[in-house]
Amino acid sequence: MLAEHNIKSVALPHKKISSYLPPFKEAIGLRTPGIYSIPCECGIVYIRQSGRTIQHRIKEHSRHIKLDQPNKSAIA
């Protein structure tokens, strides 16, 4: 029918199944709330749970260490 009107058609390959599925593994890493552990040089491991992202909480601990604020962080 298209040839009668001088229209060329091209066959495209079918989509792969992988294009319909979400990625196998997403790198969420420290960008989610959860449980984290920070080992100390003395051998004690600090384990806590945070409602904020783990990345944000670790930055807070680092800031408290730099500012010498032991009352705000058990690690400091």
N, C-alpha and C. Protein backbone atom coordinates (compact mmCIF):
# COMPACT_ATOMS: atom_id res chain seq x y z
N MET A 1 0.83 -1.18 0.00
CA MET A 1 0.00 0.00 0.00
C MET A 1 0.88 1.26 0.00
N LEU A 2 1.97 1.25 0.78
CA LEU A 2 2.87 2.40 0.81
C LEU A 2 3.62 2.54 -0.50
N ALA A 3 3.95 1.43 -1.13
CA ALA A 3 4.68 1.47 -2.39
C ALA A 3 3.86 2.15 -3.49
N GLU A 4 2.56 2.01 -3.45
CA GLU A 4 1.68 2.65 -4.43
C GLU A 4 1.80 4.17 -4.38
N HIS A 5 2.11 4.71 -3.20
CA HIS A 5 2.22 6.16 -3.02
C HIS A 5 3.67 6.63 -2.97
N ASN A 6 4.59 5.77 -3.39
CA ASN A 6 6.02 6.08 -3.42
C ASN A 6 6.59 6.39 -2.03
N ILE A 7 6.14 5.67 -1.04
CA ILE A 7 6.63 5.85 0.33
C ILE A 7 7.43 4.61 0.69
N LYS A 8 8.67 4.84 1.11
CA LYS A 8 9.52 3.73 1.51
C LYS A 8 9.32 3.45 3.00
N SER A 9 9.33 2.19 3.34
CA SER A 9 9.21 1.81 4.75
C SER A 9 10.48 1.11 5.21
N VAL A 10 10.78 1.26 6.45
CA VAL A 10 11.97 0.66 7.03
C VAL A 10 11.54 -0.15 8.25
N ALA A 11 12.03 -1.36 8.35
CA ALA A 11 11.72 -2.20 9.51
C ALA A 11 12.74 -1.90 10.61
N LEU A 12 12.25 -1.59 11.79
CA LEU A 12 13.12 -1.32 12.93
C LEU A 12 13.18 -2.55 13.83
N PRO A 13 14.31 -2.77 14.46
CA PRO A 13 14.40 -3.93 15.37
C PRO A 13 13.50 -3.73 16.58
N HIS A 14 13.04 -4.82 17.13
CA HIS A 14 12.20 -4.76 18.32
C HIS A 14 13.02 -4.27 19.51
N LYS A 15 12.34 -3.68 20.47
CA LYS A 15 13.02 -3.24 21.68
C LYS A 15 13.47 -4.47 22.48
N LYS A 16 14.58 -4.32 23.15
CA LYS A 16 15.07 -5.41 24.00
C LYS A 16 14.29 -5.41 25.30
N ILE A 17 14.19 -6.55 25.92
CA ILE A 17 13.48 -6.67 27.19
C ILE A 17 14.11 -5.76 28.24
N SER A 18 15.43 -5.59 28.19
CA SER A 18 16.12 -4.78 29.18
C SER A 18 15.68 -3.31 29.14
N SER A 19 15.16 -2.85 28.02
CA SER A 19 14.71 -1.46 27.95
C SER A 19 13.41 -1.25 28.73
N TYR A 20 12.68 -2.31 29.02
CA TYR A 20 11.44 -2.21 29.78
C TYR A 20 11.65 -2.39 31.28
N LEU A 21 12.80 -2.91 31.68
CA LEU A 21 13.07 -3.21 33.08
C LEU A 21 13.90 -2.10 33.72
N PRO A 22 13.73 -1.89 35.02
CA PRO A 22 14.57 -0.90 35.71
C PRO A 22 16.00 -1.42 35.81
N PRO A 23 16.95 -0.53 36.07
CA PRO A 23 18.33 -0.98 36.22
C PRO A 23 18.45 -2.05 37.30
N PHE A 24 19.36 -2.98 37.11
CA PHE A 24 19.51 -4.09 38.04
C PHE A 24 19.89 -3.62 39.44
N LYS A 25 20.82 -2.70 39.52
CA LYS A 25 21.27 -2.23 40.82
C LYS A 25 21.47 -0.72 40.76
N GLU A 26 20.80 -0.02 41.64
CA GLU A 26 20.97 1.41 41.72
C GLU A 26 21.96 1.73 42.82
N ALA A 27 22.84 2.66 42.56
CA ALA A 27 23.84 3.03 43.56
C ALA A 27 23.25 4.07 44.50
N ILE A 28 22.58 3.60 45.56
CA ILE A 28 22.00 4.55 46.52
C ILE A 28 22.96 4.82 47.66
N GLY A 29 23.80 3.84 47.94
CA GLY A 29 24.87 4.03 48.92
C GLY A 29 24.47 4.74 50.19
N LEU A 30 25.08 5.88 50.46
CA LEU A 30 24.88 6.60 51.71
C LEU A 30 23.77 7.65 51.61
N ARG A 31 23.02 7.65 50.53
CA ARG A 31 21.99 8.67 50.35
C ARG A 31 20.63 8.25 50.89
N THR A 32 20.60 7.27 51.76
CA THR A 32 19.36 6.82 52.37
C THR A 32 19.50 6.79 53.88
N PRO A 33 18.41 6.92 54.61
CA PRO A 33 18.48 6.76 56.06
C PRO A 33 18.75 5.29 56.39
N GLY A 34 19.34 5.06 57.54
CA GLY A 34 19.58 3.67 57.91
C GLY A 34 20.53 3.53 59.07
N ILE A 35 21.09 2.35 59.20
CA ILE A 35 22.02 2.02 60.27
C ILE A 35 23.44 2.14 59.73
N TYR A 36 24.32 2.74 60.53
CA TYR A 36 25.70 2.90 60.11
C TYR A 36 26.62 2.55 61.26
N SER A 37 27.87 2.21 60.94
CA SER A 37 28.86 1.91 61.97
C SER A 37 30.15 2.63 61.63
N ILE A 38 30.81 3.16 62.66
CA ILE A 38 32.07 3.86 62.49
C ILE A 38 33.07 3.22 63.46
N PRO A 39 34.10 2.56 62.91
CA PRO A 39 35.09 1.95 63.79
C PRO A 39 36.05 3.00 64.35
N CYS A 40 36.48 2.80 65.59
CA CYS A 40 37.42 3.70 66.25
C CYS A 40 38.81 3.06 66.27
N GLU A 41 39.83 3.89 66.39
CA GLU A 41 41.20 3.38 66.45
C GLU A 41 41.41 2.50 67.68
N CYS A 42 40.66 2.74 68.74
CA CYS A 42 40.83 1.97 69.99
C CYS A 42 40.18 0.59 69.92
N GLY A 43 39.45 0.30 68.84
CA GLY A 43 38.83 -1.01 68.69
C GLY A 43 37.33 -1.02 68.92
N ILE A 44 36.78 0.05 69.48
CA ILE A 44 35.34 0.15 69.71
C ILE A 44 34.65 0.55 68.41
N VAL A 45 33.48 -0.01 68.16
CA VAL A 45 32.71 0.32 66.96
C VAL A 45 31.46 1.07 67.38
N TYR A 46 31.25 2.25 66.79
CA TYR A 46 30.08 3.09 67.07
C TYR A 46 28.99 2.71 66.06
N ILE A 47 27.87 2.17 66.54
CA ILE A 47 26.77 1.75 65.67
C ILE A 47 25.52 2.52 66.07
N ARG A 48 24.91 3.18 65.11
CA ARG A 48 23.69 3.95 65.37
C ARG A 48 22.76 3.89 64.15
N GLN A 49 21.54 4.35 64.37
CA GLN A 49 20.54 4.45 63.31
C GLN A 49 20.18 5.92 63.15
N SER A 50 20.01 6.37 61.90
CA SER A 50 19.68 7.76 61.64
C SER A 50 18.48 7.85 60.71
N GLY A 51 17.62 8.82 60.97
CA GLY A 51 16.49 9.08 60.08
C GLY A 51 16.89 9.95 58.90
N ARG A 52 18.00 10.66 59.05
CA ARG A 52 18.54 11.46 57.95
C ARG A 52 19.43 10.56 57.10
N THR A 53 19.92 11.07 55.99
CA THR A 53 20.81 10.25 55.17
C THR A 53 22.09 9.97 55.93
N ILE A 54 22.65 8.81 55.70
CA ILE A 54 23.87 8.41 56.39
C ILE A 54 25.01 9.35 56.01
N GLN A 55 25.05 9.75 54.76
CA GLN A 55 26.08 10.69 54.29
C GLN A 55 26.04 11.99 55.10
N HIS A 56 24.85 12.52 55.34
CA HIS A 56 24.68 13.75 56.09
C HIS A 56 25.11 13.57 57.54
N ARG A 57 24.76 12.43 58.12
CA ARG A 57 25.10 12.17 59.53
C ARG A 57 26.61 12.02 59.72
N ILE A 58 27.29 11.37 58.80
CA ILE A 58 28.75 11.23 58.89
C ILE A 58 29.43 12.59 58.76
N LYS A 59 28.90 13.45 57.90
CA LYS A 59 29.45 14.81 57.78
C LYS A 59 29.27 15.58 59.09
N GLU A 60 28.13 15.37 59.76
CA GLU A 60 27.92 16.02 61.05
C GLU A 60 28.95 15.55 62.07
N HIS A 61 29.21 14.25 62.12
CA HIS A 61 30.21 13.72 63.04
C HIS A 61 31.58 14.33 62.73
N SER A 62 31.93 14.42 61.47
CA SER A 62 33.22 15.00 61.08
C SER A 62 33.31 16.46 61.51
N ARG A 63 32.23 17.20 61.33
CA ARG A 63 32.22 18.61 61.72
C ARG A 63 32.38 18.76 63.24
N HIS A 64 31.74 17.92 64.01
CA HIS A 64 31.87 17.98 65.47
C HIS A 64 33.29 17.64 65.93
N ILE A 65 33.93 16.74 65.21
CA ILE A 65 35.32 16.40 65.54
C ILE A 65 36.22 17.60 65.26
N LYS A 66 36.04 18.24 64.09
CA LYS A 66 36.86 19.40 63.73
C LYS A 66 36.67 20.56 64.69
N LEU A 67 35.43 20.76 65.15
CA LEU A 67 35.11 21.89 66.03
C LEU A 67 35.30 21.54 67.50
N ASP A 68 35.76 20.32 67.79
CA ASP A 68 35.98 19.85 69.16
C ASP A 68 34.72 20.03 70.02
N GLN A 69 33.64 19.39 69.57
CA GLN A 69 32.35 19.45 70.27
C GLN A 69 31.93 18.04 70.70
N PRO A 70 32.56 17.51 71.76
CA PRO A 70 32.24 16.14 72.18
C PRO A 70 30.83 15.98 72.74
N ASN A 71 30.19 17.07 73.15
CA ASN A 71 28.84 16.96 73.69
C ASN A 71 27.79 16.76 72.58
N LYS A 72 28.16 17.00 71.32
CA LYS A 72 27.21 16.85 70.22
C LYS A 72 27.40 15.55 69.45
N SER A 73 28.54 14.86 69.66
CA SER A 73 28.80 13.63 68.96
C SER A 73 29.60 12.69 69.85
N ALA A 74 29.17 11.46 69.97
CA ALA A 74 29.90 10.50 70.81
C ALA A 74 31.25 10.16 70.19
N ILE A 75 31.38 10.33 68.90
CA ILE A 75 32.65 10.05 68.24
C ILE A 75 33.66 11.16 68.54
N ALA A 76 33.20 12.38 68.62
CA ALA A 76 34.11 13.52 68.92
C ALA A 76 34.66 13.39 70.31
